[in-house]
Amino acid sequence: MRSGFLTLLLLSAAATSAAAETLPIKGSYGNKDGCTYARTGESSGSDDFFLLTSEAITTAASYCEFKKILKTDGKNFTATVSCQEEGEEGGTDDTAKLSFGPKGYMIGFTSDAAIHWGPLALCR
């Protein structure tokens, strides 16, 4: 079921990406399951799924498309995102802060300081 949801999210995001901005990063960053998806296009169905690309942040239950890059400081970014959650209609807007460190990207959201995703290492 999760792989079907992920495919649906990615297809719907592709249809609306014309108005979106992209992060100036090369490659994909993720955890084990996120990087496997980046390489193969196949989801394991894991609930522990995180993938960062220049277009979006994808998890097992959400897809957050970058809408506008607000600030760039080296490899650190602040951007507005539109997130679509599994099982919900429409999306919610938020601001994501992406910080690059020795183990990869850490992601936080201004709407909830308790949310921290990462570190997400460069996928190989």
PDB file of N, CA and C in Angstrom:
ATOM      1  N   MET A   1       0.823  -1.195   0.000  1.00  0.00           N
ATOM      2  CA  MET A   1       0.000   0.000   0.000  1.00  0.00           C
ATOM      3  C   MET A   1       0.865   1.256   0.000  1.00  0.00           C
ATOM      4  N   ARG A   2       1.921   1.250   0.800  1.00  0.00           N
ATOM      5  CA  ARG A   2       2.788   2.424   0.868  1.00  0.00           C
ATOM      6  C   ARG A   2       3.423   2.735  -0.481  1.00  0.00           C
ATOM      7  N   SER A   3       3.844   1.706  -1.227  1.00  0.00           N
ATOM      8  CA  SER A   3       4.493   1.997  -2.511  1.00  0.00           C
ATOM      9  C   SER A   3       3.485   2.613  -3.477  1.00  0.00           C
ATOM     10  N   GLY A   4       2.228   2.208  -3.416  1.00  0.00           N
ATOM     11  CA  GLY A   4       1.198   2.806  -4.260  1.00  0.00           C
ATOM     12  C   GLY A   4       0.967   4.255  -3.892  1.00  0.00           C
ATOM     13  N   PHE A   5       0.944   4.550  -2.595  1.00  0.00           N
ATOM     14  CA  PHE A   5       0.785   5.924  -2.130  1.00  0.00           C
ATOM     15  C   PHE A   5       1.965   6.767  -2.585  1.00  0.00           C
ATOM     16  N   LEU A   6       3.176   6.233  -2.439  1.00  0.00           N
ATOM     17  CA  LEU A   6       4.373   6.964  -2.839  1.00  0.00           C
ATOM     18  C   LEU A   6       4.354   7.258  -4.331  1.00  0.00           C
ATOM     19  N   THR A   7       3.979   6.288  -5.135  1.00  0.00           N
ATOM     20  CA  THR A   7       3.889   6.492  -6.576  1.00  0.00           C
ATOM     21  C   THR A   7       2.857   7.565  -6.902  1.00  0.00           C
ATOM     22  N   LEU A   8       1.694   7.509  -6.252  1.00  0.00           N
ATOM     23  CA  LEU A   8       0.647   8.499  -6.465  1.00  0.00           C
ATOM     24  C   LEU A   8       1.135   9.898  -6.090  1.00  0.00           C
ATOM     25  N   LEU A   9       1.826  10.015  -4.965  1.00  0.00           N
ATOM     26  CA  LEU A   9       2.348  11.317  -4.553  1.00  0.00           C
ATOM     27  C   LEU A   9       3.339  11.856  -5.561  1.00  0.00           C
ATOM     28  N   LEU A  10       4.242  11.023  -6.018  1.00  0.00           N
ATOM     29  CA  LEU A  10       5.259  11.473  -6.960  1.00  0.00           C
ATOM     30  C   LEU A  10       4.640  11.866  -8.297  1.00  0.00           C
ATOM     31  N   LEU A  11       3.640  11.134  -8.751  1.00  0.00           N
ATOM     32  CA  LEU A  11       2.968  11.486 -10.009  1.00  0.00           C
ATOM     33  C   LEU A  11       2.197  12.785  -9.883  1.00  0.00           C
ATOM     34  N   SER A  12       1.490  12.976  -8.766  1.00  0.00           N
ATOM     35  CA  SER A  12       0.727  14.209  -8.596  1.00  0.00           C
ATOM     36  C   SER A  12       1.665  15.394  -8.431  1.00  0.00           C
ATOM     37  N   ALA A  13       2.797  15.190  -7.812  1.00  0.00           N
ATOM     38  CA  ALA A  13       3.774  16.273  -7.663  1.00  0.00           C
ATOM     39  C   ALA A  13       4.368  16.652  -9.010  1.00  0.00           C
ATOM     40  N   ALA A  14       4.612  15.687  -9.856  1.00  0.00           N
ATOM     41  CA  ALA A  14       5.175  15.966 -11.175  1.00  0.00           C
ATOM     42  C   ALA A  14       4.228  16.846 -11.987  1.00  0.00           C
ATOM     43  N   ALA A  15       2.944  16.664 -11.802  1.00  0.00           N
ATOM     44  CA  ALA A  15       1.965  17.433 -12.544  1.00  0.00           C
ATOM     45  C   ALA A  15       1.911  18.892 -12.101  1.00  0.00           C
ATOM     46  N   THR A  16       2.313  19.172 -10.845  1.00  0.00           N
ATOM     47  CA  THR A  16       2.240  20.538 -10.338  1.00  0.00           C
ATOM     48  C   THR A  16       3.602  21.188 -10.174  1.00  0.00           C
ATOM     49  N   SER A  17       4.656  20.558 -10.616  1.00  0.00           N
ATOM     50  CA  SER A  17       5.989  21.074 -10.347  1.00  0.00           C
ATOM     51  C   SER A  17       6.388  22.267 -11.202  1.00  0.00           C
ATOM     52  N   ALA A  18       5.585  22.668 -12.146  1.00  0.00           N
ATOM     53  CA  ALA A  18       5.944  23.793 -13.008  1.00  0.00           C
ATOM     54  C   ALA A  18       6.123  25.083 -12.217  1.00  0.00           C
ATOM     55  N   ALA A  19       5.370  25.295 -11.153  1.00  0.00           N
ATOM     56  CA  ALA A  19       5.464  26.514 -10.367  1.00  0.00           C
ATOM     57  C   ALA A  19       6.466  26.381  -9.226  1.00  0.00           C
ATOM     58  N   ALA A  20       7.090  25.244  -9.079  1.00  0.00           N
ATOM     59  CA  ALA A  20       7.988  24.993  -7.958  1.00  0.00           C
ATOM     60  C   ALA A  20       9.418  25.414  -8.286  1.00  0.00           C
ATOM     61  N   GLU A  21      10.182  25.692  -7.228  1.00  0.00           N
ATOM     62  CA  GLU A  21      11.607  25.947  -7.361  1.00  0.00           C
ATOM     63  C   GLU A  21      12.362  24.702  -6.915  1.00  0.00           C
ATOM     64  N   THR A  22      13.613  24.615  -7.290  1.00  0.00           N
ATOM     65  CA  THR A  22      14.424  23.469  -6.881  1.00  0.00           C
ATOM     66  C   THR A  22      15.623  23.940  -6.074  1.00  0.00           C
ATOM     67  N   LEU A  23      16.042  23.079  -5.141  1.00  0.00           N
ATOM     68  CA  LEU A  23      17.245  23.363  -4.369  1.00  0.00           C
ATOM     69  C   LEU A  23      18.463  23.192  -5.259  1.00  0.00           C
ATOM     70  N   PRO A  24      19.473  23.997  -5.064  1.00  0.00           N
ATOM     71  CA  PRO A  24      20.698  23.842  -5.848  1.00  0.00           C
ATOM     72  C   PRO A  24      21.612  22.768  -5.248  1.00  0.00           C
ATOM     73  N   ILE A  25      21.109  21.531  -5.205  1.00  0.00           N
ATOM     74  CA  ILE A  25      21.918  20.412  -4.712  1.00  0.00           C
ATOM     75  C   ILE A  25      22.077  19.389  -5.826  1.00  0.00           C
ATOM     76  N   LYS A  26      23.147  18.638  -5.758  1.00  0.00           N
ATOM     77  CA  LYS A  26      23.403  17.562  -6.727  1.00  0.00           C
ATOM     78  C   LYS A  26      23.151  16.243  -6.023  1.00  0.00           C
ATOM     79  N   GLY A  27      22.430  15.361  -6.666  1.00  0.00           N
ATOM     80  CA  GLY A  27      22.193  14.038  -6.117  1.00  0.00           C
ATOM     81  C   GLY A  27      21.016  13.990  -5.168  1.00  0.00           C
ATOM     82  N   SER A  28      20.828  12.809  -4.590  1.00  0.00           N
ATOM     83  CA  SER A  28      19.758  12.562  -3.628  1.00  0.00           C
ATOM     84  C   SER A  28      20.381  12.258  -2.277  1.00  0.00           C
ATOM     85  N   TYR A  29      19.666  12.623  -1.229  1.00  0.00           N
ATOM     86  CA  TYR A  29      20.112  12.380   0.137  1.00  0.00           C
ATOM     87  C   TYR A  29      19.015  11.610   0.851  1.00  0.00           C
ATOM     88  N   GLY A  30      19.384  10.631   1.648  1.00  0.00           N
ATOM     89  CA  GLY A  30      18.354   9.878   2.344  1.00  0.00           C
ATOM     90  C   GLY A  30      18.916   8.907   3.343  1.00  0.00           C
ATOM     91  N   ASN A  31      17.994   8.171   3.956  1.00  0.00           N
ATOM     92  CA  ASN A  31      18.396   7.055   4.791  1.00  0.00           C
ATOM     93  C   ASN A  31      18.435   5.820   3.885  1.00  0.00           C
ATOM     94  N   LYS A  32      18.645   4.652   4.455  1.00  0.00           N
ATOM     95  CA  LYS A  32      18.806   3.425   3.655  1.00  0.00           C
ATOM     96  C   LYS A  32      17.635   3.207   2.707  1.00  0.00           C
ATOM     97  N   ASP A  33      16.408   3.243   3.228  1.00  0.00           N
ATOM     98  CA  ASP A  33      15.237   2.980   2.384  1.00  0.00           C
ATOM     99  C   ASP A  33      14.990   4.096   1.373  1.00  0.00           C
ATOM    100  N   GLY A  34      15.255   5.334   1.745  1.00  0.00           N
ATOM    101  CA  GLY A  34      15.100   6.445   0.807  1.00  0.00           C
ATOM    102  C   GLY A  34      16.091   6.354  -0.347  1.00  0.00           C
ATOM    103  N   CYS A  35      17.337   5.993  -0.034  1.00  0.00           N
ATOM    104  CA  CYS A  35      18.353   5.868  -1.087  1.00  0.00           C
ATOM    105  C   CYS A  35      18.078   4.672  -1.993  1.00  0.00           C
ATOM    106  N   THR A  36      17.549   3.599  -1.427  1.00  0.00           N
ATOM    107  CA  THR A  36      17.169   2.451  -2.257  1.00  0.00           C
ATOM    108  C   THR A  36      16.103   2.881  -3.261  1.00  0.00           C
ATOM    109  N   TYR A  37      15.121   3.655  -2.807  1.00  0.00           N
ATOM    110  CA  TYR A  37      14.085   4.150  -3.713  1.00  0.00           C
ATOM    111  C   TYR A  37      14.691   5.055  -4.784  1.00  0.00           C
ATOM    112  N   ALA A  38      15.633   5.922  -4.385  1.00  0.00           N
ATOM    113  CA  ALA A  38      16.264   6.838  -5.347  1.00  0.00           C
ATOM    114  C   ALA A  38      17.000   6.062  -6.438  1.00  0.00           C
ATOM    115  N   ARG A  39      17.618   4.939  -6.071  1.00  0.00           N
ATOM    116  CA  ARG A  39      18.369   4.133  -7.040  1.00  0.00           C
ATOM    117  C   ARG A  39      17.474   3.263  -7.908  1.00  0.00           C
ATOM    118  N   THR A  40      16.436   2.673  -7.316  1.00  0.00           N
ATOM    119  CA  THR A  40      15.667   1.647  -8.014  1.00  0.00           C
ATOM    120  C   THR A  40      14.260   2.075  -8.435  1.00  0.00           C
ATOM    121  N   GLY A  41      13.715   3.082  -7.763  1.00  0.00           N
ATOM    122  CA  GLY A  41      12.333   3.468  -8.027  1.00  0.00           C
ATOM    123  C   GLY A  41      11.330   2.556  -7.343  1.00  0.00           C
ATOM    124  N   GLU A  42      11.829   1.611  -6.549  1.00  0.00           N
ATOM    125  CA  GLU A  42      10.969   0.665  -5.833  1.00  0.00           C
ATOM    126  C   GLU A  42      10.958   0.984  -4.340  1.00  0.00           C
ATOM    127  N   SER A  43       9.773   1.103  -3.763  1.00  0.00           N
ATOM    128  CA  SER A  43       9.641   1.345  -2.334  1.00  0.00           C
ATOM    129  C   SER A  43       9.612   0.024  -1.586  1.00  0.00           C
ATOM    130  N   SER A  44      10.292  -0.028  -0.456  1.00  0.00           N
ATOM    131  CA  SER A  44      10.278  -1.229   0.378  1.00  0.00           C
ATOM    132  C   SER A  44       9.007  -1.305   1.213  1.00  0.00           C
ATOM    133  N   GLY A  45       8.264  -0.206   1.287  1.00  0.00           N
ATOM    134  CA  GLY A  45       7.067  -0.163   2.122  1.00  0.00           C
ATOM    135  C   GLY A  45       7.390   0.182   3.559  1.00  0.00           C
ATOM    136  N   SER A  46       8.637   0.483   3.844  1.00  0.00           N
ATOM    137  CA  SER A  46       9.092   0.793   5.203  1.00  0.00           C
ATOM    138  C   SER A  46       8.486   2.099   5.705  1.00  0.00           C
ATOM    139  N   ASP A  47       8.222   2.149   7.012  1.00  0.00           N
ATOM    140  CA  ASP A  47       7.785   3.390   7.646  1.00  0.00           C
ATOM    141  C   ASP A  47       8.978   4.303   7.921  1.00  0.00           C
ATOM    142  N   ASP A  48      10.195   3.779   7.784  1.00  0.00           N
ATOM    143  CA  ASP A  48      11.421   4.541   8.015  1.00  0.00           C
ATOM    144  C   ASP A  48      12.015   4.915   6.657  1.00  0.00           C
ATOM    145  N   PHE A  49      11.372   5.869   5.992  1.00  0.00           N
ATOM    146  CA  PHE A  49      11.718   6.245   4.625  1.00  0.00           C
ATOM    147  C   PHE A  49      11.868   7.757   4.557  1.00  0.00           C
ATOM    148  N   PHE A  50      13.073   8.235   4.222  1.00  0.00           N
ATOM    149  CA  PHE A  50      13.328   9.663   4.068  1.00  0.00           C
ATOM    150  C   PHE A  50      14.193   9.873   2.843  1.00  0.00           C
ATOM    151  N   LEU A  51      13.775  10.778   1.964  1.00  0.00           N
ATOM    152  CA  LEU A  51      14.516  11.075   0.749  1.00  0.00           C
ATOM    153  C   LEU A  51      14.431  12.573   0.464  1.00  0.00           C
ATOM    154  N   LEU A  52      15.593  13.197   0.250  1.00  0.00           N
ATOM    155  CA  LEU A  52      15.680  14.607  -0.115  1.00  0.00           C
ATOM    156  C   LEU A  52      16.266  14.697  -1.515  1.00  0.00           C
ATOM    157  N   THR A  53      15.542  15.376  -2.395  1.00  0.00           N
ATOM    158  CA  THR A  53      16.034  15.659  -3.743  1.00  0.00           C
ATOM    159  C   THR A  53      15.967  17.169  -3.952  1.00  0.00           C
ATOM    160  N   SER A  54      16.392  17.627  -5.092  1.00  0.00           N
ATOM    161  CA  SER A  54      16.316  19.064  -5.364  1.00  0.00           C
ATOM    162  C   SER A  54      14.871  19.544  -5.469  1.00  0.00           C
ATOM    163  N   GLU A  55      13.922  18.622  -5.706  1.00  0.00           N
ATOM    164  CA  GLU A  55      12.516  18.987  -5.870  1.00  0.00           C
ATOM    165  C   GLU A  55      11.667  18.867  -4.608  1.00  0.00           C
ATOM    166  N   ALA A  56      12.023  17.903  -3.708  1.00  0.00           N
ATOM    167  CA  ALA A  56      11.116  17.627  -2.597  1.00  0.00           C
ATOM    168  C   ALA A  56      11.776  16.811  -1.486  1.00  0.00           C
ATOM    169  N   ILE A  57      11.036  16.732  -0.382  1.00  0.00           N
ATOM    170  CA  ILE A  57      11.360  15.843   0.727  1.00  0.00           C
ATOM    171  C   ILE A  57      10.243  14.804   0.753  1.00  0.00           C
ATOM    172  N   THR A  58      10.614  13.528   0.676  1.00  0.00           N
ATOM    173  CA  THR A  58       9.623  12.458   0.667  1.00  0.00           C
ATOM    174  C   THR A  58       9.854  11.567   1.880  1.00  0.00           C
ATOM    175  N   THR A  59       8.778  11.236   2.582  1.00  0.00           N
ATOM    176  CA  THR A  59       8.842  10.290   3.698  1.00  0.00           C
ATOM    177  C   THR A  59       7.845   9.176   3.413  1.00  0.00           C
ATOM    178  N   ALA A  60       7.738   8.242   4.339  1.00  0.00           N
ATOM    179  CA  ALA A  60       6.797   7.139   4.170  1.00  0.00           C
ATOM    180  C   ALA A  60       5.354   7.635   4.112  1.00  0.00           C
ATOM    181  N   ALA A  61       5.075   8.785   4.720  1.00  0.00           N
ATOM    182  CA  ALA A  61       3.692   9.245   4.804  1.00  0.00           C
ATOM    183  C   ALA A  61       3.458  10.648   4.263  1.00  0.00           C
ATOM    184  N   SER A  62       4.488  11.287   3.703  1.00  0.00           N
ATOM    185  CA  SER A  62       4.282  12.647   3.206  1.00  0.00           C
ATOM    186  C   SER A  62       5.216  12.980   2.053  1.00  0.00           C
ATOM    187  N   TYR A  63       4.812  13.989   1.302  1.00  0.00           N
ATOM    188  CA  TYR A  63       5.599  14.508   0.196  1.00  0.00           C
ATOM    189  C   TYR A  63       5.562  16.024   0.308  1.00  0.00           C
ATOM    190  N   CYS A  64       6.736  16.649   0.515  1.00  0.00           N
ATOM    191  CA  CYS A  64       6.827  18.094   0.682  1.00  0.00           C
ATOM    192  C   CYS A  64       7.606  18.679  -0.491  1.00  0.00           C
ATOM    193  N   GLU A  65       6.883  19.346  -1.385  1.00  0.00           N
ATOM    194  CA  GLU A  65       7.477  19.931  -2.583  1.00  0.00           C
ATOM    195  C   GLU A  65       7.994  21.331  -2.258  1.00  0.00           C
ATOM    196  N   PHE A  66       9.219  21.637  -2.728  1.00  0.00           N
ATOM    197  CA  PHE A  66       9.771  22.969  -2.548  1.00  0.00           C
ATOM    198  C   PHE A  66       9.026  23.937  -3.459  1.00  0.00           C
ATOM    199  N   LYS A  67       8.511  25.010  -2.884  1.00  0.00           N
ATOM    200  CA  LYS A  67       7.780  26.013  -3.651  1.00  0.00           C
ATOM    201  C   LYS A  67       8.647  27.241  -3.917  1.00  0.00           C
ATOM    202  N   LYS A  68       9.363  27.706  -2.893  1.00  0.00           N
ATOM    203  CA  LYS A  68      10.190  28.904  -3.053  1.00  0.00           C
ATOM    204  C   LYS A  68      11.391  28.805  -2.113  1.00  0.00           C
ATOM    205  N   ILE A  69      12.564  29.054  -2.666  1.00  0.00           N
ATOM    206  CA  ILE A  69      13.779  29.094  -1.862  1.00  0.00           C
ATOM    207  C   ILE A  69      13.864  30.497  -1.258  1.00  0.00           C
ATOM    208  N   LEU A  70      13.830  30.571   0.069  1.00  0.00           N
ATOM    209  CA  LEU A  70      13.821  31.863   0.752  1.00  0.00           C
ATOM    210  C   LEU A  70      15.224  32.355   1.089  1.00  0.00           C
ATOM    211  N   LYS A  71      16.119  31.414   1.421  1.00  0.00           N
ATOM    212  CA  LYS A  71      17.466  31.794   1.838  1.00  0.00           C
ATOM    213  C   LYS A  71      18.436  30.672   1.500  1.00  0.00           C
ATOM    214  N   THR A  72      19.605  31.050   1.008  1.00  0.00           N
ATOM    215  CA  THR A  72      20.673  30.100   0.725  1.00  0.00           C
ATOM    216  C   THR A  72      21.926  30.603   1.414  1.00  0.00           C
ATOM    217  N   ASP A  73      22.564  29.721   2.185  1.00  0.00           N
ATOM    218  CA  ASP A  73      23.817  30.049   2.868  1.00  0.00           C
ATOM    219  C   ASP A  73      24.734  28.844   2.712  1.00  0.00           C
ATOM    220  N   GLY A  74      25.521  28.820   1.642  1.00  0.00           N
ATOM    221  CA  GLY A  74      26.350  27.652   1.348  1.00  0.00           C
ATOM    222  C   GLY A  74      25.459  26.474   1.004  1.00  0.00           C
ATOM    223  N   LYS A  75      25.549  25.404   1.816  1.00  0.00           N
ATOM    224  CA  LYS A  75      24.711  24.215   1.617  1.00  0.00           C
ATOM    225  C   LYS A  75      23.505  24.203   2.550  1.00  0.00           C
ATOM    226  N   ASN A  76      23.205  25.326   3.193  1.00  0.00           N
ATOM    227  CA  ASN A  76      22.055  25.452   4.087  1.00  0.00           C
ATOM    228  C   ASN A  76      20.968  26.250   3.380  1.00  0.00           C
ATOM    229  N   PHE A  77      19.713  25.813   3.579  1.00  0.00           N
ATOM    230  CA  PHE A  77      18.599  26.435   2.855  1.00  0.00           C
ATOM    231  C   PHE A  77      17.391  26.613   3.768  1.00  0.00           C
ATOM    232  N   THR A  78      16.627  27.642   3.454  1.00  0.00           N
ATOM    233  CA  THR A  78      15.305  27.831   4.033  1.00  0.00           C
ATOM    234  C   THR A  78      14.367  27.963   2.844  1.00  0.00           C
ATOM    235  N   ALA A  79      13.271  27.196   2.877  1.00  0.00           N
ATOM    236  CA  ALA A  79      12.364  27.178   1.730  1.00  0.00           C
ATOM    237  C   ALA A  79      10.927  26.979   2.184  1.00  0.00           C
ATOM    238  N   THR A  80       9.998  27.565   1.425  1.00  0.00           N
ATOM    239  CA  THR A  80       8.601  27.245   1.662  1.00  0.00           C
ATOM    240  C   THR A  80       8.313  25.928   0.950  1.00  0.00           C
ATOM    241  N   VAL A  81       7.509  25.101   1.598  1.00  0.00           N
ATOM    242  CA  VAL A  81       7.144  23.801   1.048  1.00  0.00           C
ATOM    243  C   VAL A  81       5.638  23.630   1.123  1.00  0.00           C
ATOM    244  N   SER A  82       5.123  22.798   0.255  1.00  0.00           N
ATOM    245  CA  SER A  82       3.731  22.383   0.314  1.00  0.00           C
ATOM    246  C   SER A  82       3.751  20.879   0.554  1.00  0.00           C
ATOM    247  N   CYS A  83       3.217  20.469   1.705  1.00  0.00           N
ATOM    248  CA  CYS A  83       3.271  19.063   2.103  1.00  0.00           C
ATOM    249  C   CYS A  83       1.904  18.400   1.954  1.00  0.00           C
ATOM    250  N   GLN A  84       1.929  17.234   1.362  1.00  0.00           N
ATOM    251  CA  GLN A  84       0.725  16.424   1.223  1.00  0.00           C
ATOM    252  C   GLN A  84       0.928  15.173   2.070  1.00  0.00           C
ATOM    253  N   GLU A  85       0.028  14.951   3.003  1.00  0.00           N
ATOM    254  CA  GLU A  85       0.103  13.801   3.907  1.00  0.00           C
ATOM    255  C   GLU A  85      -0.717  12.643   3.364  1.00  0.00           C
ATOM    256  N   GLU A  86      -0.288  11.440   3.672  1.00  0.00           N
ATOM    257  CA  GLU A  86      -0.999  10.240   3.251  1.00  0.00           C
ATOM    258  C   GLU A  86      -2.431  10.271   3.770  1.00  0.00           C
ATOM    259  N   GLY A  87      -3.368  10.035   2.873  1.00  0.00           N
ATOM    260  CA  GLY A  87      -4.772   9.944   3.250  1.00  0.00           C
ATOM    261  C   GLY A  87      -5.478  11.285   3.400  1.00  0.00           C
ATOM    262  N   GLU A  88      -4.811  12.393   3.129  1.00  0.00           N
ATOM    263  CA  GLU A  88      -5.442  13.703   3.263  1.00  0.00           C
ATOM    264  C   GLU A  88      -5.572  14.374   1.913  1.00  0.00           C
ATOM    265  N   GLU A  89      -6.638  15.131   1.752  1.00  0.00           N
ATOM    266  CA  GLU A  89      -6.858  15.905   0.536  1.00  0.00           C
ATOM    267  C   GLU A  89      -6.074  17.206   0.637  1.00  0.00           C
ATOM    268  N   GLY A  90      -5.529  17.664  -0.459  1.00  0.00           N
ATOM    269  CA  GLY A  90      -4.828  18.940  -0.475  1.00  0.00           C
ATOM    270  C   GLY A  90      -3.530  18.901   0.301  1.00  0.00           C
ATOM    271  N   GLY A  91      -2.892  20.042   0.401  1.00  0.00           N
ATOM    272  CA  GLY A  91      -1.618  20.132   1.094  1.00  0.00           C
ATOM    273  C   GLY A  91      -1.612  21.282   2.079  1.00  0.00           C
ATOM    274  N   THR A  92      -0.582  21.300   2.912  1.00  0.00           N
ATOM    275  CA  THR A  92      -0.390  22.375   3.857  1.00  0.00           C
ATOM    276  C   THR A  92       0.954  23.030   3.571  1.00  0.00           C
ATOM    277  N   ASP A  93       1.006  24.332   3.753  1.00  0.00           N
ATOM    278  CA  ASP A  93       2.247  25.066   3.525  1.00  0.00           C
ATOM    279  C   ASP A  93       3.009  25.201   4.831  1.00  0.00           C
ATOM    280  N   ASP A  94       4.332  25.198   4.720  1.00  0.00           N
ATOM    281  CA  ASP A  94       5.207  25.307   5.876  1.00  0.00           C
ATOM    282  C   ASP A  94       6.533  25.881   5.400  1.00  0.00           C
ATOM    283  N   THR A  95       7.418  26.130   6.326  1.00  0.00           N
ATOM    284  CA  THR A  95       8.770  26.550   6.007  1.00  0.00           C
ATOM    285  C   THR A  95       9.724  25.489   6.524  1.00  0.00           C
ATOM    286  N   ALA A  96      10.577  24.993   5.636  1.00  0.00           N
ATOM    287  CA  ALA A  96      11.559  23.966   5.989  1.00  0.00           C
ATOM    288  C   ALA A  96      12.933  24.601   6.090  1.00  0.00           C
ATOM    289  N   LYS A  97      13.692  24.163   7.095  1.00  0.00           N
ATOM    290  CA  LYS A  97      15.081  24.601   7.258  1.00  0.00           C
ATOM    291  C   LYS A  97      15.960  23.378   7.068  1.00  0.00           C
ATOM    292  N   LEU A  98      16.854  23.456   6.100  1.00  0.00           N
ATOM    293  CA  LEU A  98      17.753  22.355   5.780  1.00  0.00           C
ATOM    294  C   LEU A  98      19.173  22.781   6.121  1.00  0.00           C
ATOM    295  N   SER A  99      19.794  22.042   7.037  1.00  0.00           N
ATOM    296  CA  SER A  99      21.152  22.351   7.482  1.00  0.00           C
ATOM    297  C   SER A  99      22.063  21.203   7.102  1.00  0.00           C
ATOM    298  N   PHE A 100      23.185  21.543   6.476  1.00  0.00           N
ATOM    299  CA  PHE A 100      24.144  20.526   6.052  1.00  0.00           C
ATOM    300  C   PHE A 100      25.238  20.396   7.104  1.00  0.00           C
ATOM    301  N   GLY A 101      25.517  19.158   7.500  1.00  0.00           N
ATOM    302  CA  GLY A 101      26.563  18.883   8.475  1.00  0.00           C
ATOM    303  C   GLY A 101      27.423  17.722   8.018  1.00  0.00           C
ATOM    304  N   PRO A 102      28.330  17.257   8.874  1.00  0.00           N
ATOM    305  CA  PRO A 102      29.262  16.196   8.487  1.00  0.00           C
ATOM    306  C   PRO A 102      28.588  14.869   8.114  1.00  0.00           C
ATOM    307  N   LYS A 103      27.369  14.625   8.600  1.00  0.00           N
ATOM    308  CA  LYS A 103      26.677  13.367   8.288  1.00  0.00           C
ATOM    309  C   LYS A 103      25.564  13.549   7.267  1.00  0.00           C
ATOM    310  N   GLY A 104      25.412  14.761   6.711  1.00  0.00           N
ATOM    311  CA  GLY A 104      24.380  15.009   5.717  1.00  0.00           C
ATOM    312  C   GLY A 104      23.421  16.094   6.149  1.00  0.00           C
ATOM    313  N   TYR A 105      22.252  16.103   5.541  1.00  0.00           N
ATOM    314  CA  TYR A 105      21.252  17.139   5.797  1.00  0.00           C
ATOM    315  C   TYR A 105      20.361  16.786   6.985  1.00  0.00           C
ATOM    316  N   MET A 106      20.090  17.801   7.810  1.00  0.00           N
ATOM    317  CA  MET A 106      19.078  17.738   8.857  1.00  0.00           C
ATOM    318  C   MET A 106      17.956  18.656   8.403  1.00  0.00           C
ATOM    319  N   ILE A 107      16.722  18.234   8.622  1.00  0.00           N
ATOM    320  CA  ILE A 107      15.559  19.001   8.176  1.00  0.00           C
ATOM    321  C   ILE A 107      14.660  19.290   9.372  1.00  0.00           C
ATOM    322  N   GLY A 108      14.239  20.525   9.480  1.00  0.00           N
ATOM    323  CA  GLY A 108      13.291  20.931  10.503  1.00  0.00           C
ATOM    324  C   GLY A 108      12.212  21.794   9.868  1.00  0.00           C
ATOM    325  N   PHE A 109      11.120  21.991  10.600  1.00  0.00           N
ATOM    326  CA  PHE A 109       9.996  22.784  10.104  1.00  0.00           C
ATOM    327  C   PHE A 109       9.625  23.844  11.135  1.00  0.00           C
ATOM    328  N   THR A 110       9.312  25.052  10.669  1.00  0.00           N
ATOM    329  CA  THR A 110       8.982  26.130  11.596  1.00  0.00           C
ATOM    330  C   THR A 110       7.653  25.891  12.311  1.00  0.00           C
ATOM    331  N   SER A 111       6.753  25.121  11.721  1.00  0.00           N
ATOM    332  CA  SER A 111       5.452  24.883  12.352  1.00  0.00           C
ATOM    333  C   SER A 111       5.544  23.969  13.576  1.00  0.00           C
ATOM    334  N   ASP A 112       6.610  23.179  13.676  1.00  0.00           N
ATOM    335  CA  ASP A 112       6.754  22.241  14.792  1.00  0.00           C
ATOM    336  C   ASP A 112       8.239  22.004  15.062  1.00  0.00           C
ATOM    337  N   ALA A 113       8.760  22.679  16.077  1.00  0.00           N
ATOM    338  CA  ALA A 113      10.190  22.586  16.406  1.00  0.00           C
ATOM    339  C   ALA A 113      10.600  21.175  16.822  1.00  0.00           C
ATOM    340  N   ALA A 114       9.642  20.312  17.137  1.00  0.00           N
ATOM    341  CA  ALA A 114       9.967  18.947  17.553  1.00  0.00           C
ATOM    342  C   ALA A 114      10.276  18.035  16.360  1.00  0.00           C
ATOM    343  N   ILE A 115       9.947  18.462  15.150  1.00  0.00           N
ATOM    344  CA  ILE A 115      10.203  17.635  13.977  1.00  0.00           C
ATOM    345  C   ILE A 115      11.636  17.851  13.507  1.00  0.00           C
ATOM    346  N   HIS A 116      12.401  16.760  13.507  1.00  0.00           N
ATOM    347  CA  HIS A 116      13.777  16.764  13.001  1.00  0.00           C
ATOM    348  C   HIS A 116      13.973  15.494  12.202  1.00  0.00           C
ATOM    349  N   TRP A 117      14.256  15.627  10.928  1.00  0.00           N
ATOM    350  CA  TRP A 117      14.522  14.473  10.065  1.00  0.00           C
ATOM    351  C   TRP A 117      15.996  14.486   9.709  1.00  0.00           C
ATOM    352  N   GLY A 118      16.629  13.336   9.785  1.00  0.00           N
ATOM    353  CA  GLY A 118      18.022  13.226   9.380  1.00  0.00           C
ATOM    354  C   GLY A 118      18.896  12.704  10.503  1.00  0.00           C
ATOM    355  N   PRO A 119      20.173  12.642  10.245  1.00  0.00           N
ATOM    356  CA  PRO A 119      20.837  13.155   9.060  1.00  0.00           C
ATOM    357  C   PRO A 119      20.577  12.276   7.822  1.00  0.00           C
ATOM    358  N   LEU A 120      20.472  12.955   6.692  1.00  0.00           N
ATOM    359  CA  LEU A 120      20.261  12.273   5.422  1.00  0.00           C
ATOM    360  C   LEU A 120      21.549  12.405   4.612  1.00  0.00           C
ATOM    361  N   ALA A 121      22.223  11.286   4.429  1.00  0.00           N
ATOM    362  CA  ALA A 121      23.507  11.261   3.743  1.00  0.00           C
ATOM    363  C   ALA A 121      23.321  11.194   2.232  1.00  0.00           C
ATOM    364  N   LEU A 122      24.351  11.574   1.493  1.00  0.00           N
ATOM    365  CA  LEU A 122      24.328  11.480   0.038  1.00  0.00           C
ATOM    366  C   LEU A 122      24.133  10.031  -0.359  1.00  0.00           C
ATOM    367  N   CYS A 123      23.155   9.771  -1.215  1.00  0.00           N
ATOM    368  CA  CYS A 123      22.894   8.403  -1.696  1.00  0.00           C
ATOM    369  C   CYS A 123      23.990   8.011  -2.685  1.00  0.00           C
ATOM    370  N   ARG A 124      24.441   6.787  -2.572  1.00  0.00           N
ATOM    371  CA  ARG A 124      25.504   6.279  -3.458  1.00  0.00           C
ATOM    372  C   ARG A 124      24.992   5.139  -4.275  1.00  0.00           C
TER     373      ARG A 124
END
